[in-house]
């Protein structure tokens, strides 16, 4: 009689293992997806931070600005919104692949750890 209880316990644990493996496969991302996500994240980082970096560099290299707000106003008056993004190509080319590789490497590390520890 106790053999029946052991059998049902084995069946349940086997079902749980199958469900866990299916969940891991479903939650895992492809390397391409993580690489592209990282690249896009790097592009967003540059797009958000470049105008502030531009103001910082202008203030460091010139004495014509009284404050950050003054630098911002003069830059907008001279070049418009596009002027805030002048020179963005170099950081964009540099940051995009770095973040893409970081995201991809992190994802691959997770996959390796899942396989090694059967998670």
PDB file of N, CA and C in Angstrom:
ATOM      1  N   UNK A   1       0.805  -1.189   0.000  1.00  0.00           N
ATOM      2  CA  UNK A   1       0.000   0.000   0.000  1.00  0.00           C
ATOM      3  C   UNK A   1       0.847   1.251   0.000  1.00  0.00           C
ATOM      4  N   UNK A   2       1.952   1.219   0.735  1.00  0.00           N
ATOM      5  CA  UNK A   2       2.806   2.395   0.741  1.00  0.00           C
ATOM      6  C   UNK A   2       3.478   2.587  -0.616  1.00  0.00           C
ATOM      7  N   UNK A   3       3.542   1.533  -1.404  1.00  0.00           N
ATOM      8  CA  UNK A   3       4.122   1.640  -2.742  1.00  0.00           C
ATOM      9  C   UNK A   3       3.324   2.573  -3.619  1.00  0.00           C
ATOM     10  N   UNK A   4       1.993   2.609  -3.433  1.00  0.00           N
ATOM     11  CA  UNK A   4       1.145   3.515  -4.199  1.00  0.00           C
ATOM     12  C   UNK A   4       1.435   4.970  -3.876  1.00  0.00           C
ATOM     13  N   UNK A   5       1.694   5.256  -2.622  1.00  0.00           N
ATOM     14  CA  UNK A   5       1.985   6.641  -2.218  1.00  0.00           C
ATOM     15  C   UNK A   5       3.311   7.099  -2.807  1.00  0.00           C
ATOM     16  N   UNK A   6       4.281   6.219  -2.781  1.00  0.00           N
ATOM     17  CA  UNK A   6       5.585   6.585  -3.332  1.00  0.00           C
ATOM     18  C   UNK A   6       5.482   6.856  -4.830  1.00  0.00           C
ATOM     19  N   UNK A   7       4.678   6.053  -5.527  1.00  0.00           N
ATOM     20  CA  UNK A   7       4.525   6.211  -6.966  1.00  0.00           C
ATOM     21  C   UNK A   7       3.910   7.570  -7.295  1.00  0.00           C
ATOM     22  N   UNK A   8       2.874   7.983  -6.555  1.00  0.00           N
ATOM     23  CA  UNK A   8       2.232   9.271  -6.834  1.00  0.00           C
ATOM     24  C   UNK A   8       3.192  10.417  -6.532  1.00  0.00           C
ATOM     25  N   UNK A   9       4.016  10.269  -5.508  1.00  0.00           N
ATOM     26  CA  UNK A   9       4.991  11.300  -5.178  1.00  0.00           C
ATOM     27  C   UNK A   9       6.010  11.425  -6.305  1.00  0.00           C
ATOM     28  N   UNK A  10       6.439  10.305  -6.833  1.00  0.00           N
ATOM     29  CA  UNK A  10       7.395  10.316  -7.936  1.00  0.00           C
ATOM     30  C   UNK A  10       6.769  10.975  -9.166  1.00  0.00           C
ATOM     31  N   UNK A  11       5.511  10.663  -9.433  1.00  0.00           N
ATOM     32  CA  UNK A  11       4.832  11.258 -10.590  1.00  0.00           C
ATOM     33  C   UNK A  11       4.715  12.764 -10.438  1.00  0.00           C
ATOM     34  N   UNK A  12       4.375  13.215  -9.267  1.00  0.00           N
ATOM     35  CA  UNK A  12       4.226  14.654  -9.031  1.00  0.00           C
ATOM     36  C   UNK A  12       5.565  15.351  -9.190  1.00  0.00           C
ATOM     37  N   UNK A  13       6.625  14.788  -8.612  1.00  0.00           N
ATOM     38  CA  UNK A  13       7.931  15.441  -8.717  1.00  0.00           C
ATOM     39  C   UNK A  13       8.428  15.414 -10.163  1.00  0.00           C
ATOM     40  N   UNK A  14       8.125  14.369 -10.902  1.00  0.00           N
ATOM     41  CA  UNK A  14       8.508  14.324 -12.309  1.00  0.00           C
ATOM     42  C   UNK A  14       7.759  15.393 -13.096  1.00  0.00           C
ATOM     43  N   UNK A  15       6.482  15.554 -12.786  1.00  0.00           N
ATOM     44  CA  UNK A  15       5.699  16.606 -13.449  1.00  0.00           C
ATOM     45  C   UNK A  15       6.244  17.986 -13.112  1.00  0.00           C
ATOM     46  N   UNK A  16       6.638  18.202 -11.870  1.00  0.00           N
ATOM     47  CA  UNK A  16       7.201  19.496 -11.466  1.00  0.00           C
ATOM     48  C   UNK A  16       8.493  19.788 -12.207  1.00  0.00           C
ATOM     49  N   UNK A  17       9.352  18.771 -12.382  1.00  0.00           N
ATOM     50  CA  UNK A  17      10.600  18.963 -13.111  1.00  0.00           C
ATOM     51  C   UNK A  17      10.339  19.331 -14.564  1.00  0.00           C
ATOM     52  N   UNK A  18       9.363  18.675 -15.173  1.00  0.00           N
ATOM     53  CA  UNK A  18       9.015  18.988 -16.557  1.00  0.00           C
ATOM     54  C   UNK A  18       8.501  20.411 -16.653  1.00  0.00           C
ATOM     55  N   UNK A  19       7.667  20.823 -15.699  1.00  0.00           N
ATOM     56  CA  UNK A  19       7.137  22.187 -15.712  1.00  0.00           C
ATOM     57  C   UNK A  19       8.252  23.200 -15.523  1.00  0.00           C
ATOM     58  N   UNK A  20       9.194  22.931 -14.625  1.00  0.00           N
ATOM     59  CA  UNK A  20      10.303  23.856 -14.398  1.00  0.00           C
ATOM     60  C   UNK A  20      11.142  24.004 -15.661  1.00  0.00           C
ATOM     61  N   UNK A  21      11.434  22.895 -16.340  1.00  0.00           N
ATOM     62  CA  UNK A  21      12.229  22.963 -17.561  1.00  0.00           C
ATOM     63  C   UNK A  21      11.498  23.745 -18.644  1.00  0.00           C
ATOM     64  N   UNK A  22      10.185  23.560 -18.743  1.00  0.00           N
ATOM     65  CA  UNK A  22       9.414  24.310 -19.724  1.00  0.00           C
ATOM     66  C   UNK A  22       9.401  25.793 -19.386  1.00  0.00           C
ATOM     67  N   UNK A  23       9.312  26.140 -18.087  1.00  0.00           N
ATOM     68  CA  UNK A  23       9.326  27.533 -17.679  1.00  0.00           C
ATOM     69  C   UNK A  23      10.669  28.170 -17.992  1.00  0.00           C
ATOM     70  N   UNK A  24      11.763  27.454 -17.762  1.00  0.00           N
ATOM     71  CA  UNK A  24      13.094  27.985 -18.053  1.00  0.00           C
ATOM     72  C   UNK A  24      13.239  28.241 -19.541  1.00  0.00           C
ATOM     73  N   UNK A  25      12.776  27.287 -20.361  1.00  0.00           N
ATOM     74  CA  UNK A  25      12.873  27.481 -21.800  1.00  0.00           C
ATOM     75  C   UNK A  25      12.018  28.645 -22.260  1.00  0.00           C
ATOM     76  N   UNK A  26      10.854  28.806 -21.666  1.00  0.00           N
ATOM     77  CA  UNK A  26       9.969  29.896 -22.057  1.00  0.00           C
ATOM     78  C   UNK A  26      10.518  31.235 -21.596  1.00  0.00           C
ATOM     79  N   UNK A  27      11.175  31.283 -20.428  1.00  0.00           N
ATOM     80  CA  UNK A  27      11.675  32.550 -19.909  1.00  0.00           C
ATOM     81  C   UNK A  27      13.018  32.941 -20.514  1.00  0.00           C
ATOM     82  N   UNK A  28      13.739  32.024 -21.095  1.00  0.00           N
ATOM     83  CA  UNK A  28      15.020  32.326 -21.709  1.00  0.00           C
ATOM     84  C   UNK A  28      14.854  33.150 -22.967  1.00  0.00           C
ATOM     85  N   UNK A  29      15.814  34.048 -23.192  1.00  0.00           N
ATOM     86  CA  UNK A  29      15.761  34.876 -24.389  1.00  0.00           C
ATOM     87  C   UNK A  29      16.845  34.434 -25.351  1.00  0.00           C
ATOM     88  N   UNK A  30      16.657  34.775 -26.600  1.00  0.00           N
ATOM     89  CA  UNK A  30      17.670  34.415 -27.576  1.00  0.00           C
ATOM     90  C   UNK A  30      18.830  35.392 -27.478  1.00  0.00           C
ATOM     91  N   UNK A  31      19.989  34.970 -27.922  1.00  0.00           N
ATOM     92  CA  UNK A  31      21.161  35.828 -27.912  1.00  0.00           C
ATOM     93  C   UNK A  31      20.985  37.055 -28.780  1.00  0.00           C
ATOM     94  N   UNK A  32      20.312  36.879 -29.900  1.00  0.00           N
ATOM     95  CA  UNK A  32      20.086  38.001 -30.810  1.00  0.00           C
ATOM     96  C   UNK A  32      19.189  39.048 -30.156  1.00  0.00           C
ATOM     97  N   UNK A  33      18.165  38.581 -29.463  1.00  0.00           N
ATOM     98  CA  UNK A  33      17.236  39.502 -28.814  1.00  0.00           C
ATOM     99  C   UNK A  33      17.952  40.318 -27.731  1.00  0.00           C
ATOM    100  N   UNK A  34      18.764  39.673 -26.923  1.00  0.00           N
ATOM    101  CA  UNK A  34      19.483  40.401 -25.875  1.00  0.00           C
ATOM    102  C   UNK A  34      20.526  41.330 -26.478  1.00  0.00           C
ATOM    103  N   UNK A  35      21.178  40.928 -27.561  1.00  0.00           N
ATOM    104  CA  UNK A  35      22.167  41.780 -28.230  1.00  0.00           C
ATOM    105  C   UNK A  35      21.497  43.042 -28.779  1.00  0.00           C
ATOM    106  N   UNK A  36      20.362  42.875 -29.448  1.00  0.00           N
ATOM    107  CA  UNK A  36      19.646  44.027 -29.999  1.00  0.00           C
ATOM    108  C   UNK A  36      19.079  44.917 -28.894  1.00  0.00           C
ATOM    109  N   UNK A  37      18.598  44.323 -27.827  1.00  0.00           N
ATOM    110  CA  UNK A  37      18.074  45.097 -26.700  1.00  0.00           C
ATOM    111  C   UNK A  37      19.175  45.942 -26.066  1.00  0.00           C
ATOM    112  N   UNK A  38      20.334  45.359 -25.903  1.00  0.00           N
ATOM    113  CA  UNK A  38      21.462  46.107 -25.344  1.00  0.00           C
ATOM    114  C   UNK A  38      21.893  47.242 -26.246  1.00  0.00           C
ATOM    115  N   UNK A  39      21.919  46.987 -27.542  1.00  0.00           N
ATOM    116  CA  UNK A  39      22.268  48.047 -28.492  1.00  0.00           C
ATOM    117  C   UNK A  39      21.278  49.190 -28.444  1.00  0.00           C
ATOM    118  N   UNK A  40      20.005  48.869 -28.385  1.00  0.00           N
ATOM    119  CA  UNK A  40      18.978  49.907 -28.310  1.00  0.00           C
ATOM    120  C   UNK A  40      19.083  50.674 -26.997  1.00  0.00           C
ATOM    121  N   UNK A  41      19.363  49.963 -25.917  1.00  0.00           N
ATOM    122  CA  UNK A  41      19.547  50.627 -24.621  1.00  0.00           C
ATOM    123  C   UNK A  41      20.723  51.584 -24.640  1.00  0.00           C
ATOM    124  N   UNK A  42      21.806  51.191 -25.282  1.00  0.00           N
ATOM    125  CA  UNK A  42      22.969  52.068 -25.409  1.00  0.00           C
ATOM    126  C   UNK A  42      22.651  53.312 -26.217  1.00  0.00           C
ATOM    127  N   UNK A  43      21.862  53.143 -27.282  1.00  0.00           N
ATOM    128  CA  UNK A  43      21.460  54.295 -28.091  1.00  0.00           C
ATOM    129  C   UNK A  43      20.592  55.254 -27.281  1.00  0.00           C
ATOM    130  N   UNK A  44      19.687  54.714 -26.482  1.00  0.00           N
ATOM    131  CA  UNK A  44      18.830  55.562 -25.628  1.00  0.00           C
ATOM    132  C   UNK A  44      19.660  56.297 -24.588  1.00  0.00           C
ATOM    133  N   UNK A  45      20.663  55.632 -24.044  1.00  0.00           N
ATOM    134  CA  UNK A  45      21.537  56.265 -23.067  1.00  0.00           C
ATOM    135  C   UNK A  45      22.240  57.473 -23.673  1.00  0.00           C
ATOM    136  N   UNK A  46      22.780  57.305 -24.861  1.00  0.00           N
ATOM    137  CA  UNK A  46      23.479  58.403 -25.525  1.00  0.00           C
ATOM    138  C   UNK A  46      22.507  59.526 -25.858  1.00  0.00           C
ATOM    139  N   UNK A  47      21.324  59.180 -26.358  1.00  0.00           N
ATOM    140  CA  UNK A  47      20.341  60.204 -26.728  1.00  0.00           C
ATOM    141  C   UNK A  47      19.895  61.014 -25.511  1.00  0.00           C
ATOM    142  N   UNK A  48      19.801  60.386 -24.362  1.00  0.00           N
ATOM    143  CA  UNK A  48      19.367  61.092 -23.153  1.00  0.00           C
ATOM    144  C   UNK A  48      20.489  61.905 -22.518  1.00  0.00           C
ATOM    145  N   UNK A  49      21.691  61.391 -22.566  1.00  0.00           N
ATOM    146  CA  UNK A  49      22.799  62.038 -21.863  1.00  0.00           C
ATOM    147  C   UNK A  49      23.632  62.997 -22.672  1.00  0.00           C
ATOM    148  N   UNK A  50      23.590  62.899 -23.985  1.00  0.00           N
ATOM    149  CA  UNK A  50      24.472  63.724 -24.812  1.00  0.00           C
ATOM    150  C   UNK A  50      24.238  65.228 -24.673  1.00  0.00           C
ATOM    151  N   UNK A  51      23.006  65.707 -24.649  1.00  0.00           N
ATOM    152  CA  UNK A  51      22.833  67.163 -24.497  1.00  0.00           C
ATOM    153  C   UNK A  51      23.472  67.699 -23.214  1.00  0.00           C
ATOM    154  N   UNK A  52      23.371  66.965 -22.123  1.00  0.00           N
ATOM    155  CA  UNK A  52      23.986  67.409 -20.870  1.00  0.00           C
ATOM    156  C   UNK A  52      25.513  67.360 -20.957  1.00  0.00           C
ATOM    157  N   UNK A  53      26.025  66.344 -21.612  1.00  0.00           N
ATOM    158  CA  UNK A  53      27.467  66.245 -21.798  1.00  0.00           C
ATOM    159  C   UNK A  53      27.975  67.381 -22.683  1.00  0.00           C
ATOM    160  N   UNK A  54      27.210  67.717 -23.705  1.00  0.00           N
ATOM    161  CA  UNK A  54      27.580  68.826 -24.582  1.00  0.00           C
ATOM    162  C   UNK A  54      27.675  70.136 -23.786  1.00  0.00           C
ATOM    163  N   UNK A  55      26.682  70.382 -22.932  1.00  0.00           N
ATOM    164  CA  UNK A  55      26.706  71.591 -22.105  1.00  0.00           C
ATOM    165  C   UNK A  55      27.916  71.598 -21.168  1.00  0.00           C
ATOM    166  N   UNK A  56      28.209  70.449 -20.578  1.00  0.00           N
ATOM    167  CA  UNK A  56      29.356  70.340 -19.666  1.00  0.00           C
ATOM    168  C   UNK A  56      30.658  70.676 -20.387  1.00  0.00           C
ATOM    169  N   UNK A  57      30.839  70.114 -21.577  1.00  0.00           N
ATOM    170  CA  UNK A  57      32.069  70.346 -22.334  1.00  0.00           C
ATOM    171  C   UNK A  57      32.166  71.803 -22.765  1.00  0.00           C
ATOM    172  N   UNK A  58      31.063  72.387 -23.194  1.00  0.00           N
ATOM    173  CA  UNK A  58      31.084  73.795 -23.597  1.00  0.00           C
ATOM    174  C   UNK A  58      31.442  74.701 -22.418  1.00  0.00           C
ATOM    175  N   UNK A  59      30.920  74.393 -21.269  1.00  0.00           N
ATOM    176  CA  UNK A  59      31.239  75.207 -20.092  1.00  0.00           C
ATOM    177  C   UNK A  59      32.694  75.026 -19.658  1.00  0.00           C
ATOM    178  N   UNK A  60      33.259  73.853 -19.846  1.00  0.00           N
ATOM    179  CA  UNK A  60      34.642  73.602 -19.463  1.00  0.00           C
ATOM    180  C   UNK A  60      35.637  74.268 -20.412  1.00  0.00           C
ATOM    181  N   UNK A  61      35.255  74.405 -21.667  1.00  0.00           N
ATOM    182  CA  UNK A  61      36.189  74.905 -22.676  1.00  0.00           C
ATOM    183  C   UNK A  61      35.973  76.364 -23.041  1.00  0.00           C
ATOM    184  N   UNK A  62      35.004  77.031 -22.438  1.00  0.00           N
ATOM    185  CA  UNK A  62      34.727  78.421 -22.777  1.00  0.00           C
ATOM    186  C   UNK A  62      34.420  79.212 -21.507  1.00  0.00           C
ATOM    187  N   UNK A  63      34.731  80.509 -21.561  1.00  0.00           N
ATOM    188  CA  UNK A  63      34.438  81.375 -20.418  1.00  0.00           C
ATOM    189  C   UNK A  63      33.243  82.284 -20.687  1.00  0.00           C
ATOM    190  N   UNK A  64      32.568  82.108 -21.819  1.00  0.00           N
ATOM    191  CA  UNK A  64      31.458  82.992 -22.173  1.00  0.00           C
ATOM    192  C   UNK A  64      30.147  82.664 -21.457  1.00  0.00           C
ATOM    193  N   UNK A  65      30.068  81.504 -20.810  1.00  0.00           N
ATOM    194  CA  UNK A  65      28.829  81.101 -20.150  1.00  0.00           C
ATOM    195  C   UNK A  65      28.908  81.368 -18.657  1.00  0.00           C
ATOM    196  N   UNK A  66      27.829  81.911 -18.099  1.00  0.00           N
ATOM    197  CA  UNK A  66      27.775  82.236 -16.670  1.00  0.00           C
ATOM    198  C   UNK A  66      27.276  81.050 -15.851  1.00  0.00           C
ATOM    199  N   UNK A  67      26.408  80.231 -16.448  1.00  0.00           N
ATOM    200  CA  UNK A  67      25.836  79.086 -15.738  1.00  0.00           C
ATOM    201  C   UNK A  67      25.416  78.026 -16.759  1.00  0.00           C
ATOM    202  N   UNK A  68      24.982  76.906 -16.251  1.00  0.00           N
ATOM    203  CA  UNK A  68      24.499  75.844 -17.128  1.00  0.00           C
ATOM    204  C   UNK A  68      23.264  76.292 -17.886  1.00  0.00           C
ATOM    205  N   UNK A  69      22.392  76.984 -17.207  1.00  0.00           N
ATOM    206  CA  UNK A  69      21.176  77.494 -17.852  1.00  0.00           C
ATOM    207  C   UNK A  69      21.515  78.505 -18.945  1.00  0.00           C
ATOM    208  N   UNK A  70      22.512  79.349 -18.692  1.00  0.00           N
ATOM    209  CA  UNK A  70      22.952  80.318 -19.705  1.00  0.00           C
ATOM    210  C   UNK A  70      23.515  79.581 -20.930  1.00  0.00           C
ATOM    211  N   UNK A  71      24.304  78.556 -20.681  1.00  0.00           N
ATOM    212  CA  UNK A  71      24.866  77.755 -21.775  1.00  0.00           C
ATOM    213  C   UNK A  71      23.752  77.084 -22.570  1.00  0.00           C
ATOM    214  N   UNK A  72      22.767  76.551 -21.880  1.00  0.00           N
ATOM    215  CA  UNK A  72      21.634  75.902 -22.541  1.00  0.00           C
ATOM    216  C   UNK A  72      20.879  76.892 -23.421  1.00  0.00           C
ATOM    217  N   UNK A  73      20.581  78.066 -22.886  1.00  0.00           N
ATOM    218  CA  UNK A  73      19.843  79.089 -23.647  1.00  0.00           C
ATOM    219  C   UNK A  73      20.608  79.542 -24.878  1.00  0.00           C
ATOM    220  N   UNK A  74      21.900  79.804 -24.717  1.00  0.00           N
ATOM    221  CA  UNK A  74      22.697  80.274 -25.851  1.00  0.00           C
ATOM    222  C   UNK A  74      22.842  79.196 -26.924  1.00  0.00           C
ATOM    223  N   UNK A  75      22.989  77.961 -26.505  1.00  0.00           N
ATOM    224  CA  UNK A  75      23.104  76.857 -27.473  1.00  0.00           C
ATOM    225  C   UNK A  75      21.801  76.699 -28.241  1.00  0.00           C
ATOM    226  N   UNK A  76      20.671  76.759 -27.548  1.00  0.00           N
ATOM    227  CA  UNK A  76      19.380  76.682 -28.229  1.00  0.00           C
ATOM    228  C   UNK A  76      19.165  77.861 -29.171  1.00  0.00           C
ATOM    229  N   UNK A  77      19.559  79.048 -28.769  1.00  0.00           N
ATOM    230  CA  UNK A  77      19.386  80.232 -29.610  1.00  0.00           C
ATOM    231  C   UNK A  77      20.247  80.144 -30.873  1.00  0.00           C
ATOM    232  N   UNK A  78      21.469  79.639 -30.726  1.00  0.00           N
ATOM    233  CA  UNK A  78      22.386  79.540 -31.867  1.00  0.00           C
ATOM    234  C   UNK A  78      22.010  78.419 -32.836  1.00  0.00           C
ATOM    235  N   UNK A  79      21.740  77.231 -32.297  1.00  0.00           N
ATOM    236  CA  UNK A  79      21.615  76.040 -33.149  1.00  0.00           C
ATOM    237  C   UNK A  79      20.275  75.332 -33.063  1.00  0.00           C
ATOM    238  N   UNK A  80      19.413  75.734 -32.156  1.00  0.00           N
ATOM    239  CA  UNK A  80      18.142  75.044 -31.994  1.00  0.00           C
ATOM    240  C   UNK A  80      18.332  73.713 -31.273  1.00  0.00           C
ATOM    241  N   UNK A  81      17.293  72.900 -31.300  1.00  0.00           N
ATOM    242  CA  UNK A  81      17.332  71.612 -30.615  1.00  0.00           C
ATOM    243  C   UNK A  81      18.375  70.694 -31.259  1.00  0.00           C
ATOM    244  N   UNK A  82      18.537  70.777 -32.566  1.00  0.00           N
ATOM    245  CA  UNK A  82      19.540  69.933 -33.240  1.00  0.00           C
ATOM    246  C   UNK A  82      20.944  70.219 -32.743  1.00  0.00           C
ATOM    247  N   UNK A  83      21.183  71.459 -32.316  1.00  0.00           N
ATOM    248  CA  UNK A  83      22.495  71.820 -31.792  1.00  0.00           C
ATOM    249  C   UNK A  83      22.842  71.082 -30.513  1.00  0.00           C
ATOM    250  N   UNK A  84      21.821  70.678 -29.759  1.00  0.00           N
ATOM    251  CA  UNK A  84      22.069  69.932 -28.527  1.00  0.00           C
ATOM    252  C   UNK A  84      22.581  68.523 -28.810  1.00  0.00           C
ATOM    253  N   UNK A  85      22.370  68.063 -30.020  1.00  0.00           N
ATOM    254  CA  UNK A  85      22.796  66.716 -30.401  1.00  0.00           C
ATOM    255  C   UNK A  85      23.975  66.731 -31.368  1.00  0.00           C
ATOM    256  N   UNK A  86      24.606  67.880 -31.536  1.00  0.00           N
ATOM    257  CA  UNK A  86      25.771  67.976 -32.419  1.00  0.00           C
ATOM    258  C   UNK A  86      26.904  67.119 -31.853  1.00  0.00           C
ATOM    259  N   UNK A  87      27.523  66.341 -32.696  1.00  0.00           N
ATOM    260  CA  UNK A  87      28.627  65.490 -32.272  1.00  0.00           C
ATOM    261  C   UNK A  87      28.206  64.195 -31.601  1.00  0.00           C
ATOM    262  N   UNK A  88      26.969  63.808 -31.769  1.00  0.00           N
ATOM    263  CA  UNK A  88      26.469  62.609 -31.098  1.00  0.00           C
ATOM    264  C   UNK A  88      26.871  61.315 -31.809  1.00  0.00           C
ATOM    265  N   UNK A  89      27.315  61.403 -33.046  1.00  0.00           N
ATOM    266  CA  UNK A  89      27.615  60.183 -33.814  1.00  0.00           C
ATOM    267  C   UNK A  89      28.724  59.349 -33.170  1.00  0.00           C
ATOM    268  N   UNK A  90      29.792  59.991 -32.716  1.00  0.00           N
ATOM    269  CA  UNK A  90      30.915  59.234 -32.143  1.00  0.00           C
ATOM    270  C   UNK A  90      30.511  58.478 -30.872  1.00  0.00           C
ATOM    271  N   UNK A  91      29.859  59.123 -29.899  1.00  0.00           N
ATOM    272  CA  UNK A  91      29.444  58.342 -28.725  1.00  0.00           C
ATOM    273  C   UNK A  91      28.422  57.268 -29.062  1.00  0.00           C
ATOM    274  N   UNK A  92      27.590  57.528 -30.051  1.00  0.00           N
ATOM    275  CA  UNK A  92      26.595  56.538 -30.462  1.00  0.00           C
ATOM    276  C   UNK A  92      27.272  55.293 -31.029  1.00  0.00           C
ATOM    277  N   UNK A  93      28.269  55.510 -31.864  1.00  0.00           N
ATOM    278  CA  UNK A  93      29.008  54.387 -32.457  1.00  0.00           C
ATOM    279  C   UNK A  93      29.803  53.638 -31.388  1.00  0.00           C
ATOM    280  N   UNK A  94      30.261  54.347 -30.382  1.00  0.00           N
ATOM    281  CA  UNK A  94      31.046  53.702 -29.330  1.00  0.00           C
ATOM    282  C   UNK A  94      30.203  52.970 -28.303  1.00  0.00           C
ATOM    283  N   UNK A  95      29.099  53.566 -27.872  1.00  0.00           N
ATOM    284  CA  UNK A  95      28.311  52.985 -26.776  1.00  0.00           C
ATOM    285  C   UNK A  95      27.401  51.849 -27.222  1.00  0.00           C
ATOM    286  N   UNK A  96      26.887  51.928 -28.425  1.00  0.00           N
ATOM    287  CA  UNK A  96      25.928  50.921 -28.887  1.00  0.00           C
ATOM    288  C   UNK A  96      26.500  49.507 -28.854  1.00  0.00           C
ATOM    289  N   UNK A  97      27.664  49.253 -29.459  1.00  0.00           N
ATOM    290  CA  UNK A  97      28.184  47.875 -29.401  1.00  0.00           C
ATOM    291  C   UNK A  97      28.607  47.445 -27.997  1.00  0.00           C
ATOM    292  N   UNK A  98      29.064  48.381 -27.182  1.00  0.00           N
ATOM    293  CA  UNK A  98      29.469  48.029 -25.818  1.00  0.00           C
ATOM    294  C   UNK A  98      28.276  47.501 -25.030  1.00  0.00           C
ATOM    295  N   UNK A  99      27.173  48.229 -25.080  1.00  0.00           N
ATOM    296  CA  UNK A  99      25.986  47.790 -24.349  1.00  0.00           C
ATOM    297  C   UNK A  99      25.391  46.529 -24.963  1.00  0.00           C
ATOM    298  N   UNK A 100      25.452  46.401 -26.278  1.00  0.00           N
ATOM    299  CA  UNK A 100      24.939  45.195 -26.927  1.00  0.00           C
ATOM    300  C   UNK A 100      25.710  43.962 -26.450  1.00  0.00           C
ATOM    301  N   UNK A 101      27.025  44.073 -26.393  1.00  0.00           N
ATOM    302  CA  UNK A 101      27.855  42.946 -25.952  1.00  0.00           C
ATOM    303  C   UNK A 101      27.639  42.659 -24.466  1.00  0.00           C
ATOM    304  N   UNK A 102      27.472  43.707 -23.661  1.00  0.00           N
ATOM    305  CA  UNK A 102      27.220  43.503 -22.228  1.00  0.00           C
ATOM    306  C   UNK A 102      25.911  42.758 -21.994  1.00  0.00           C
ATOM    307  N   UNK A 103      24.857  43.173 -22.663  1.00  0.00           N
ATOM    308  CA  UNK A 103      23.562  42.497 -22.502  1.00  0.00           C
ATOM    309  C   UNK A 103      23.653  41.057 -22.987  1.00  0.00           C
ATOM    310  N   UNK A 104      24.287  40.841 -24.121  1.00  0.00           N
ATOM    311  CA  UNK A 104      24.426  39.497 -24.677  1.00  0.00           C
ATOM    312  C   UNK A 104      25.232  38.607 -23.725  1.00  0.00           C
ATOM    313  N   UNK A 105      26.343  39.130 -23.211  1.00  0.00           N
ATOM    314  CA  UNK A 105      27.181  38.357 -22.294  1.00  0.00           C
ATOM    315  C   UNK A 105      26.457  38.000 -21.014  1.00  0.00           C
ATOM    316  N   UNK A 106      25.686  38.934 -20.484  1.00  0.00           N
ATOM    317  CA  UNK A 106      24.903  38.668 -19.276  1.00  0.00           C
ATOM    318  C   UNK A 106      23.886  37.563 -19.534  1.00  0.00           C
ATOM    319  N   UNK A 107      23.205  37.632 -20.673  1.00  0.00           N
ATOM    320  CA  UNK A 107      22.211  36.619 -21.018  1.00  0.00           C
ATOM    321  C   UNK A 107      22.860  35.249 -21.199  1.00  0.00           C
ATOM    322  N   UNK A 108      24.002  35.211 -21.863  1.00  0.00           N
ATOM    323  CA  UNK A 108      24.690  33.937 -22.053  1.00  0.00           C
ATOM    324  C   UNK A 108      25.173  33.371 -20.720  1.00  0.00           C
ATOM    325  N   UNK A 109      25.638  34.229 -19.820  1.00  0.00           N
ATOM    326  CA  UNK A 109      26.057  33.785 -18.490  1.00  0.00           C
ATOM    327  C   UNK A 109      24.909  33.171 -17.716  1.00  0.00           C
ATOM    328  N   UNK A 110      23.730  33.790 -17.825  1.00  0.00           N
ATOM    329  CA  UNK A 110      22.552  33.229 -17.163  1.00  0.00           C
ATOM    330  C   UNK A 110      22.213  31.851 -17.725  1.00  0.00           C
ATOM    331  N   UNK A 111      22.283  31.720 -19.035  1.00  0.00           N
ATOM    332  CA  UNK A 111      21.972  30.425 -19.652  1.00  0.00           C
ATOM    333  C   UNK A 111      22.957  29.352 -19.202  1.00  0.00           C
ATOM    334  N   UNK A 112      24.218  29.699 -19.117  1.00  0.00           N
ATOM    335  CA  UNK A 112      25.229  28.736 -18.675  1.00  0.00           C
ATOM    336  C   UNK A 112      24.961  28.307 -17.237  1.00  0.00           C
ATOM    337  N   UNK A 113      24.677  29.282 -16.379  1.00  0.00           N
ATOM    338  CA  UNK A 113      24.415  28.959 -14.977  1.00  0.00           C
ATOM    339  C   UNK A 113      23.166  28.094 -14.831  1.00  0.00           C
ATOM    340  N   UNK A 114      22.150  28.359 -15.641  1.00  0.00           N
ATOM    341  CA  UNK A 114      20.931  27.544 -15.573  1.00  0.00           C
ATOM    342  C   UNK A 114      21.242  26.096 -15.961  1.00  0.00           C
ATOM    343  N   UNK A 115      22.068  25.923 -16.974  1.00  0.00           N
ATOM    344  CA  UNK A 115      22.408  24.557 -17.411  1.00  0.00           C
ATOM    345  C   UNK A 115      23.272  23.841 -16.383  1.00  0.00           C
ATOM    346  N   UNK A 116      24.227  24.548 -15.818  1.00  0.00           N
ATOM    347  CA  UNK A 116      25.159  23.945 -14.863  1.00  0.00           C
ATOM    348  C   UNK A 116      24.425  23.517 -13.600  1.00  0.00           C
ATOM    349  N   UNK A 117      23.527  24.363 -13.111  1.00  0.00           N
ATOM    350  CA  UNK A 117      22.859  24.090 -11.842  1.00  0.00           C
ATOM    351  C   UNK A 117      21.432  23.574 -12.039  1.00  0.00           C
ATOM    352  N   UNK A 118      21.084  23.206 -13.260  1.00  0.00           N
ATOM    353  CA  UNK A 118      19.760  22.645 -13.589  1.00  0.00           C
ATOM    354  C   UNK A 118      18.624  23.500 -13.030  1.00  0.00           C
ATOM    355  N   UNK A 119      18.689  24.758 -13.270  1.00  0.00           N
ATOM    356  CA  UNK A 119      17.646  25.670 -12.765  1.00  0.00           C
ATOM    357  C   UNK A 119      16.605  25.911 -13.824  1.00  0.00           C
TER     358      UNK A 119
END
